[in-house]
């Protein structure tokens, strides 16, 4: 353990605070959906995401309770995704058009790159 008895301190706090914050988030949800409150929504959901990820680590590594670990991982993902803007196909089409306008023949110096049509995956 990085911090001796660290889980003994953090787990009870998380178990107490996660439900409190989730209840407050639910109560405040209508106001947080307004565009001017996007930063607040992002902050709260980011906090809950980190708290659930900590509990995931605890149950995955320390207690080996995979069902409980999976619950916290899934809930963290739910909170993270809830703060993202809705998918906009029109916006993505605009982004692709912009990229195509920038990266056209002549952008790179002559002889740069590959002439292969095989996709390149950079990891």
Foldseek 3Di string as FASTA:
>chain_A
DVDVCPCVPLVVVLVVVLVVLVVVCVVCVVVCVDPVNLVVLQVSLQVLLVSLQVQLCCCVPPVVPNVSSVVSNVSSVVSNVVSDDDDDPVVVVVVVVVVPVQPDPPNDPPPPDDPDPDDDDDD
